[in-house]
Structures are given as structure tokens and as C-alpha cells.
Amino acid sequence: MKQVQSDTTLDHWVSQGRARNGIARRRHQRVDDYENTGAGKTAQSRSWSWTGIVVTLLSAIWFIISLPFRLVFWVIALLGRLTGVILGFLLMVVGMALWASPLFIVGIPLFVVGLVLTLRCLE
């Protein structure tokens, strides 16, 4: 597993002396630019476009409308899987009981079918 490296590397320490003057210059330049634009003015915030608002609104409406249907389909799928697991487990138990008796010819395939059904429903 790879560990996360820190920001401070050897290259950073080597080039720090060279870059320190550039960083200081950029900081002073930002302060000067801010003062030139007027410190009292607020920065313009990023506004939403009409298409973004409409798409977001339609997706929220579609989510609310389709939620009951998705819940019903989820419950049906869950009940189907639980039925498959129970039926597969019963087939495995009956298959093992028949495998131990003289009817092992029927018990082996019954156990295998129950095992496959159970594993498919647990997937």
C-alpha cells in the first residue's frame, strides 16, 4: 500500500531560497492590485446560468417523482432475492438428506442446484 507523501520534498527545500523572493513579490502585487480596485468593493460572486437552474430543478422534480417507483422496485428485488436464498437453502438441505440416503443420484444434483441458486441470490 502506498503512503501519502508530504508536501515538503527535497526539491522544495532546495528551491525555497530561490522562490522566496518571487513569493514575496507576488504577495505584495496582490495587495497592490486589491488596493487599486478599491478595498470597499465586494468581489463579484459566480452566478447561476438559467440552463443550470432549469436542469437542477428538473432533476430534483424527477428524483421526487421517481422515488416511490424506485422504492417499490427495490422492495420487489429484495423479496425476490430472499425467496431465492430460502428456496436454495431448502434445496441444499433436501439434497444433502437425499445424498446420505440410497437416492444419492437425485440428491447430488438437487444440492448443486440449491447451492447455485443461493449463491446467485447472494451476489
N, C-alpha and C. Protein backbone atom coordinates (compact mmCIF):
# COMPACT_ATOMS: atom_id res chain seq x y z
N MET A 1 0.84 -1.16 0.00
CA MET A 1 0.00 0.00 0.00
C MET A 1 0.89 1.23 0.00
N LYS A 2 0.58 2.18 -0.85
CA LYS A 2 1.40 3.36 -0.98
C LYS A 2 0.99 4.41 0.05
N GLN A 3 1.97 4.99 0.72
CA GLN A 3 1.66 6.00 1.71
C GLN A 3 1.66 7.37 1.04
N VAL A 4 0.89 8.26 1.63
CA VAL A 4 0.78 9.61 1.09
C VAL A 4 2.05 10.38 1.41
N GLN A 5 2.58 11.04 0.41
CA GLN A 5 3.78 11.84 0.59
C GLN A 5 3.40 13.22 1.12
N SER A 6 4.27 13.82 1.88
CA SER A 6 4.00 15.17 2.36
C SER A 6 4.36 16.17 1.28
N ASP A 7 3.92 17.41 1.49
CA ASP A 7 4.21 18.48 0.53
C ASP A 7 5.69 18.83 0.51
N THR A 8 6.34 18.68 1.62
CA THR A 8 7.72 19.10 1.75
C THR A 8 8.64 18.00 1.21
N THR A 9 9.24 18.27 0.09
CA THR A 9 10.18 17.32 -0.50
C THR A 9 11.56 17.99 -0.57
N LEU A 10 12.54 17.22 -0.99
CA LEU A 10 13.89 17.75 -1.11
C LEU A 10 13.94 18.87 -2.13
N ASP A 11 13.22 18.71 -3.24
CA ASP A 11 13.19 19.76 -4.26
C ASP A 11 12.61 21.05 -3.70
N HIS A 12 11.62 20.92 -2.85
CA HIS A 12 11.01 22.11 -2.26
C HIS A 12 12.03 22.86 -1.39
N TRP A 13 12.80 22.12 -0.58
CA TRP A 13 13.79 22.76 0.29
C TRP A 13 14.92 23.38 -0.52
N VAL A 14 15.32 22.70 -1.60
CA VAL A 14 16.42 23.23 -2.40
C VAL A 14 16.00 24.51 -3.11
N SER A 15 14.76 24.54 -3.64
CA SER A 15 14.35 25.71 -4.42
C SER A 15 13.67 26.77 -3.58
N GLN A 16 13.59 26.58 -2.27
CA GLN A 16 12.87 27.52 -1.42
C GLN A 16 13.57 28.88 -1.38
N GLY A 17 14.87 28.89 -1.31
CA GLY A 17 15.59 30.16 -1.25
C GLY A 17 15.40 30.97 -2.52
N ARG A 18 15.36 30.29 -3.64
CA ARG A 18 15.18 30.97 -4.90
C ARG A 18 13.75 31.50 -5.04
N ALA A 19 12.76 30.70 -4.61
CA ALA A 19 11.37 31.06 -4.83
C ALA A 19 10.84 32.04 -3.78
N ARG A 20 11.56 32.19 -2.67
CA ARG A 20 11.06 33.03 -1.58
C ARG A 20 10.88 34.47 -2.04
N ASN A 21 11.81 34.99 -2.81
CA ASN A 21 11.69 36.37 -3.29
C ASN A 21 10.51 36.50 -4.24
N GLY A 22 10.29 35.49 -5.08
CA GLY A 22 9.17 35.54 -6.01
C GLY A 22 7.83 35.50 -5.29
N ILE A 23 7.75 34.71 -4.22
CA ILE A 23 6.50 34.63 -3.45
C ILE A 23 6.23 35.97 -2.77
N ALA A 24 7.27 36.56 -2.22
CA ALA A 24 7.09 37.85 -1.56
C ALA A 24 6.62 38.90 -2.56
N ARG A 25 7.21 38.89 -3.76
CA ARG A 25 6.80 39.85 -4.78
C ARG A 25 5.34 39.65 -5.17
N ARG A 26 4.92 38.38 -5.32
CA ARG A 26 3.54 38.11 -5.70
C ARG A 26 2.57 38.56 -4.60
N ARG A 27 2.94 38.37 -3.34
CA ARG A 27 2.06 38.79 -2.25
C ARG A 27 1.87 40.30 -2.25
N HIS A 28 2.98 41.01 -2.43
CA HIS A 28 2.87 42.47 -2.47
C HIS A 28 2.07 42.91 -3.68
N GLN A 29 2.22 42.22 -4.79
CA GLN A 29 1.49 42.59 -6.00
C GLN A 29 -0.01 42.37 -5.79
N ARG A 30 -0.39 41.28 -5.11
CA ARG A 30 -1.81 41.03 -4.84
C ARG A 30 -2.39 42.12 -3.96
N VAL A 31 -1.64 42.53 -2.95
CA VAL A 31 -2.13 43.59 -2.06
C VAL A 31 -2.29 44.88 -2.84
N ASP A 32 -1.33 45.21 -3.70
CA ASP A 32 -1.42 46.42 -4.50
C ASP A 32 -2.61 46.35 -5.45
N ASP A 33 -2.83 45.20 -6.08
CA ASP A 33 -3.96 45.04 -7.00
C ASP A 33 -5.27 45.21 -6.25
N TYR A 34 -5.35 44.67 -5.03
CA TYR A 34 -6.56 44.77 -4.24
C TYR A 34 -6.84 46.21 -3.86
N GLU A 35 -5.80 46.94 -3.48
CA GLU A 35 -5.99 48.33 -3.10
C GLU A 35 -6.35 49.18 -4.30
N ASN A 36 -5.82 48.86 -5.48
CA ASN A 36 -6.14 49.63 -6.68
C ASN A 36 -7.59 49.42 -7.13
N THR A 37 -8.14 48.27 -6.88
CA THR A 37 -9.52 48.02 -7.30
C THR A 37 -10.51 48.60 -6.31
N GLY A 38 -10.09 48.98 -5.18
CA GLY A 38 -10.97 49.56 -4.17
C GLY A 38 -11.26 48.53 -3.11
N ALA A 39 -10.81 48.78 -1.89
CA ALA A 39 -10.97 47.81 -0.82
C ALA A 39 -12.41 47.69 -0.38
N GLY A 40 -13.22 48.72 -0.62
CA GLY A 40 -14.61 48.70 -0.19
C GLY A 40 -15.51 47.88 -1.09
N LYS A 41 -15.09 47.61 -2.31
CA LYS A 41 -15.92 46.87 -3.25
C LYS A 41 -15.88 45.38 -2.93
N THR A 42 -17.00 44.76 -3.08
CA THR A 42 -17.04 43.31 -2.88
C THR A 42 -16.79 42.61 -4.20
N ALA A 43 -16.21 41.47 -4.12
CA ALA A 43 -15.92 40.71 -5.34
C ALA A 43 -17.22 40.14 -5.89
N GLN A 44 -17.31 40.08 -7.22
CA GLN A 44 -18.50 39.54 -7.85
C GLN A 44 -18.56 38.04 -7.64
N SER A 45 -19.70 37.55 -7.18
CA SER A 45 -19.84 36.11 -6.99
C SER A 45 -20.24 35.47 -8.30
N ARG A 46 -19.95 34.19 -8.40
CA ARG A 46 -20.27 33.45 -9.61
C ARG A 46 -21.77 33.20 -9.64
N SER A 47 -22.43 33.63 -10.68
CA SER A 47 -23.88 33.50 -10.75
C SER A 47 -24.28 32.23 -11.50
N TRP A 48 -25.48 31.76 -11.23
CA TRP A 48 -26.02 30.58 -11.90
C TRP A 48 -26.53 30.97 -13.27
N SER A 49 -26.37 30.09 -14.21
CA SER A 49 -26.97 30.33 -15.52
C SER A 49 -28.40 29.78 -15.50
N TRP A 50 -29.22 30.28 -16.40
CA TRP A 50 -30.61 29.83 -16.45
C TRP A 50 -30.70 28.35 -16.78
N THR A 51 -29.84 27.88 -17.68
CA THR A 51 -29.89 26.46 -18.03
C THR A 51 -29.49 25.59 -16.84
N GLY A 52 -28.53 26.04 -16.05
CA GLY A 52 -28.14 25.29 -14.86
C GLY A 52 -29.27 25.22 -13.84
N ILE A 53 -29.99 26.31 -13.68
CA ILE A 53 -31.11 26.33 -12.74
C ILE A 53 -32.21 25.41 -13.21
N VAL A 54 -32.54 25.46 -14.51
CA VAL A 54 -33.62 24.63 -15.06
C VAL A 54 -33.26 23.15 -14.97
N VAL A 55 -32.01 22.81 -15.32
CA VAL A 55 -31.59 21.41 -15.26
C VAL A 55 -31.62 20.91 -13.82
N THR A 56 -31.16 21.70 -12.87
CA THR A 56 -31.18 21.30 -11.47
C THR A 56 -32.61 21.14 -10.96
N LEU A 57 -33.48 22.05 -11.34
CA LEU A 57 -34.88 21.97 -10.92
C LEU A 57 -35.57 20.74 -11.51
N LEU A 58 -35.35 20.48 -12.80
CA LEU A 58 -35.96 19.30 -13.43
C LEU A 58 -35.42 18.00 -12.85
N SER A 59 -34.12 17.96 -12.55
CA SER A 59 -33.57 16.74 -11.96
C SER A 59 -34.11 16.52 -10.55
N ALA A 60 -34.33 17.57 -9.78
CA ALA A 60 -34.92 17.43 -8.44
C ALA A 60 -36.36 16.95 -8.53
N ILE A 61 -37.12 17.50 -9.48
CA ILE A 61 -38.51 17.06 -9.67
C ILE A 61 -38.54 15.60 -10.10
N TRP A 62 -37.67 15.21 -11.03
CA TRP A 62 -37.65 13.82 -11.49
C TRP A 62 -37.25 12.88 -10.36
N PHE A 63 -36.34 13.29 -9.51
CA PHE A 63 -35.95 12.48 -8.37
C PHE A 63 -37.13 12.25 -7.43
N ILE A 64 -37.90 13.29 -7.17
CA ILE A 64 -39.04 13.18 -6.26
C ILE A 64 -40.15 12.33 -6.88
N ILE A 65 -40.40 12.49 -8.18
CA ILE A 65 -41.45 11.72 -8.84
C ILE A 65 -41.08 10.24 -8.92
N SER A 66 -39.84 9.93 -9.23
CA SER A 66 -39.45 8.53 -9.43
C SER A 66 -39.09 7.80 -8.14
N LEU A 67 -38.99 8.49 -7.02
CA LEU A 67 -38.59 7.85 -5.77
C LEU A 67 -39.54 6.74 -5.32
N PRO A 68 -40.87 6.93 -5.34
CA PRO A 68 -41.74 5.82 -4.92
C PRO A 68 -41.61 4.58 -5.81
N PHE A 69 -41.45 4.79 -7.12
CA PHE A 69 -41.29 3.65 -8.03
C PHE A 69 -39.99 2.91 -7.75
N ARG A 70 -38.93 3.67 -7.51
CA ARG A 70 -37.65 3.01 -7.22
C ARG A 70 -37.71 2.24 -5.91
N LEU A 71 -38.41 2.78 -4.92
CA LEU A 71 -38.56 2.07 -3.66
C LEU A 71 -39.36 0.77 -3.83
N VAL A 72 -40.43 0.83 -4.61
CA VAL A 72 -41.24 -0.38 -4.85
C VAL A 72 -40.41 -1.42 -5.59
N PHE A 73 -39.68 -1.01 -6.62
CA PHE A 73 -38.84 -1.97 -7.36
C PHE A 73 -37.73 -2.54 -6.49
N TRP A 74 -37.19 -1.72 -5.58
CA TRP A 74 -36.15 -2.20 -4.67
C TRP A 74 -36.72 -3.25 -3.72
N VAL A 75 -37.93 -3.03 -3.21
CA VAL A 75 -38.56 -3.99 -2.30
C VAL A 75 -38.86 -5.29 -3.04
N ILE A 76 -39.35 -5.19 -4.29
CA ILE A 76 -39.63 -6.40 -5.08
C ILE A 76 -38.34 -7.19 -5.33
N ALA A 77 -37.27 -6.50 -5.66
CA ALA A 77 -35.99 -7.18 -5.88
C ALA A 77 -35.48 -7.83 -4.60
N LEU A 78 -35.64 -7.15 -3.47
CA LEU A 78 -35.21 -7.71 -2.20
C LEU A 78 -36.01 -8.96 -1.84
N LEU A 79 -37.33 -8.89 -2.04
CA LEU A 79 -38.16 -10.07 -1.76
C LEU A 79 -37.81 -11.23 -2.68
N GLY A 80 -37.51 -10.94 -3.93
CA GLY A 80 -37.09 -12.00 -4.86
C GLY A 80 -35.79 -12.65 -4.44
N ARG A 81 -34.86 -11.85 -4.00
CA ARG A 81 -33.57 -12.42 -3.55
C ARG A 81 -33.74 -13.25 -2.28
N LEU A 82 -34.55 -12.75 -1.35
CA LEU A 82 -34.78 -13.51 -0.12
C LEU A 82 -35.48 -14.83 -0.41
N THR A 83 -36.45 -14.81 -1.34
CA THR A 83 -37.13 -16.05 -1.73
C THR A 83 -36.15 -17.03 -2.36
N GLY A 84 -35.27 -16.52 -3.21
CA GLY A 84 -34.27 -17.38 -3.84
C GLY A 84 -33.31 -17.98 -2.84
N VAL A 85 -32.90 -17.19 -1.85
CA VAL A 85 -31.98 -17.71 -0.82
C VAL A 85 -32.66 -18.80 0.00
N ILE A 86 -33.91 -18.56 0.40
CA ILE A 86 -34.64 -19.55 1.20
C ILE A 86 -34.87 -20.83 0.41
N LEU A 87 -35.31 -20.69 -0.85
CA LEU A 87 -35.55 -21.87 -1.68
C LEU A 87 -34.24 -22.63 -1.96
N GLY A 88 -33.17 -21.91 -2.23
CA GLY A 88 -31.88 -22.55 -2.47
C GLY A 88 -31.37 -23.28 -1.24
N PHE A 89 -31.55 -22.66 -0.08
CA PHE A 89 -31.12 -23.32 1.16
C PHE A 89 -31.92 -24.60 1.41
N LEU A 90 -33.24 -24.53 1.17
CA LEU A 90 -34.06 -25.73 1.34
C LEU A 90 -33.66 -26.83 0.36
N LEU A 91 -33.35 -26.45 -0.88
CA LEU A 91 -32.89 -27.45 -1.85
C LEU A 91 -31.57 -28.07 -1.42
N MET A 92 -30.69 -27.27 -0.85
CA MET A 92 -29.42 -27.83 -0.37
C MET A 92 -29.65 -28.80 0.77
N VAL A 93 -30.54 -28.46 1.70
CA VAL A 93 -30.81 -29.35 2.84
C VAL A 93 -31.43 -30.66 2.36
N VAL A 94 -32.42 -30.56 1.48
CA VAL A 94 -33.06 -31.78 0.95
C VAL A 94 -32.06 -32.58 0.13
N GLY A 95 -31.22 -31.89 -0.65
CA GLY A 95 -30.21 -32.58 -1.44
C GLY A 95 -29.21 -33.33 -0.57
N MET A 96 -28.80 -32.73 0.53
CA MET A 96 -27.87 -33.42 1.44
C MET A 96 -28.54 -34.62 2.12
N ALA A 97 -29.83 -34.46 2.45
CA ALA A 97 -30.56 -35.58 3.07
C ALA A 97 -30.69 -36.74 2.08
N LEU A 98 -30.98 -36.41 0.83
CA LEU A 98 -31.10 -37.47 -0.18
C LEU A 98 -29.74 -38.04 -0.55
N TRP A 99 -28.70 -37.22 -0.44
CA TRP A 99 -27.35 -37.68 -0.77
C TRP A 99 -26.90 -38.74 0.24
N ALA A 100 -27.35 -38.59 1.48
CA ALA A 100 -26.97 -39.55 2.52
C ALA A 100 -27.81 -40.83 2.45
N SER A 101 -28.85 -40.81 1.69
CA SER A 101 -29.72 -42.00 1.57
C SER A 101 -29.38 -42.76 0.28
N PRO A 102 -30.09 -43.82 0.01
CA PRO A 102 -29.85 -44.55 -1.24
C PRO A 102 -30.24 -43.75 -2.50
N LEU A 103 -30.91 -42.63 -2.35
CA LEU A 103 -31.31 -41.80 -3.50
C LEU A 103 -30.27 -40.72 -3.80
N PHE A 104 -29.00 -41.05 -3.65
CA PHE A 104 -27.94 -40.04 -3.86
C PHE A 104 -27.89 -39.55 -5.30
N ILE A 105 -28.44 -40.32 -6.24
CA ILE A 105 -28.47 -39.90 -7.65
C ILE A 105 -29.33 -38.64 -7.79
N VAL A 106 -30.37 -38.52 -7.01
CA VAL A 106 -31.23 -37.33 -7.03
C VAL A 106 -30.66 -36.25 -6.10
N GLY A 107 -30.03 -36.64 -5.02
CA GLY A 107 -29.56 -35.70 -4.01
C GLY A 107 -28.41 -34.81 -4.48
N ILE A 108 -27.49 -35.37 -5.26
CA ILE A 108 -26.32 -34.59 -5.71
C ILE A 108 -26.75 -33.43 -6.60
N PRO A 109 -27.55 -33.67 -7.67
CA PRO A 109 -27.96 -32.52 -8.50
C PRO A 109 -28.84 -31.53 -7.74
N LEU A 110 -29.68 -32.04 -6.83
CA LEU A 110 -30.53 -31.14 -6.05
C LEU A 110 -29.69 -30.22 -5.16
N PHE A 111 -28.66 -30.76 -4.54
CA PHE A 111 -27.75 -29.95 -3.73
C PHE A 111 -27.03 -28.91 -4.58
N VAL A 112 -26.57 -29.31 -5.75
CA VAL A 112 -25.83 -28.38 -6.62
C VAL A 112 -26.75 -27.26 -7.10
N VAL A 113 -27.98 -27.59 -7.49
CA VAL A 113 -28.93 -26.57 -7.93
C VAL A 113 -29.23 -25.60 -6.78
N GLY A 114 -29.43 -26.12 -5.58
CA GLY A 114 -29.68 -25.25 -4.42
C GLY A 114 -28.49 -24.36 -4.11
N LEU A 115 -27.29 -24.90 -4.24
CA LEU A 115 -26.09 -24.12 -3.99
C LEU A 115 -25.94 -23.00 -5.01
N VAL A 116 -26.14 -23.31 -6.27
CA VAL A 116 -26.02 -22.28 -7.33
C VAL A 116 -27.09 -21.21 -7.14
N LEU A 117 -28.33 -21.61 -6.83
CA LEU A 117 -29.40 -20.64 -6.63
C LEU A 117 -29.10 -19.72 -5.44
N THR A 118 -28.61 -20.28 -4.36
CA THR A 118 -28.29 -19.48 -3.19
C THR A 118 -27.15 -18.49 -3.48
N LEU A 119 -26.13 -18.97 -4.15
CA LEU A 119 -25.00 -18.09 -4.46
C LEU A 119 -25.39 -16.99 -5.44
N ARG A 120 -26.28 -17.30 -6.39
CA ARG A 120 -26.73 -16.27 -7.34
C ARG A 120 -27.56 -15.19 -6.64
N CYS A 121 -28.33 -15.59 -5.66
CA CYS A 121 -29.19 -14.62 -4.96
C CYS A 121 -28.40 -13.80 -3.95
N LEU A 122 -27.29 -14.29 -3.47
CA LEU A 122 -26.46 -13.53 -2.53
C LEU A 122 -25.53 -12.56 -3.24
N GLU A 123 -25.42 -12.65 -4.52
CA GLU A 123 -24.50 -11.83 -5.30
C GLU A 123 -24.86 -10.39 -5.30
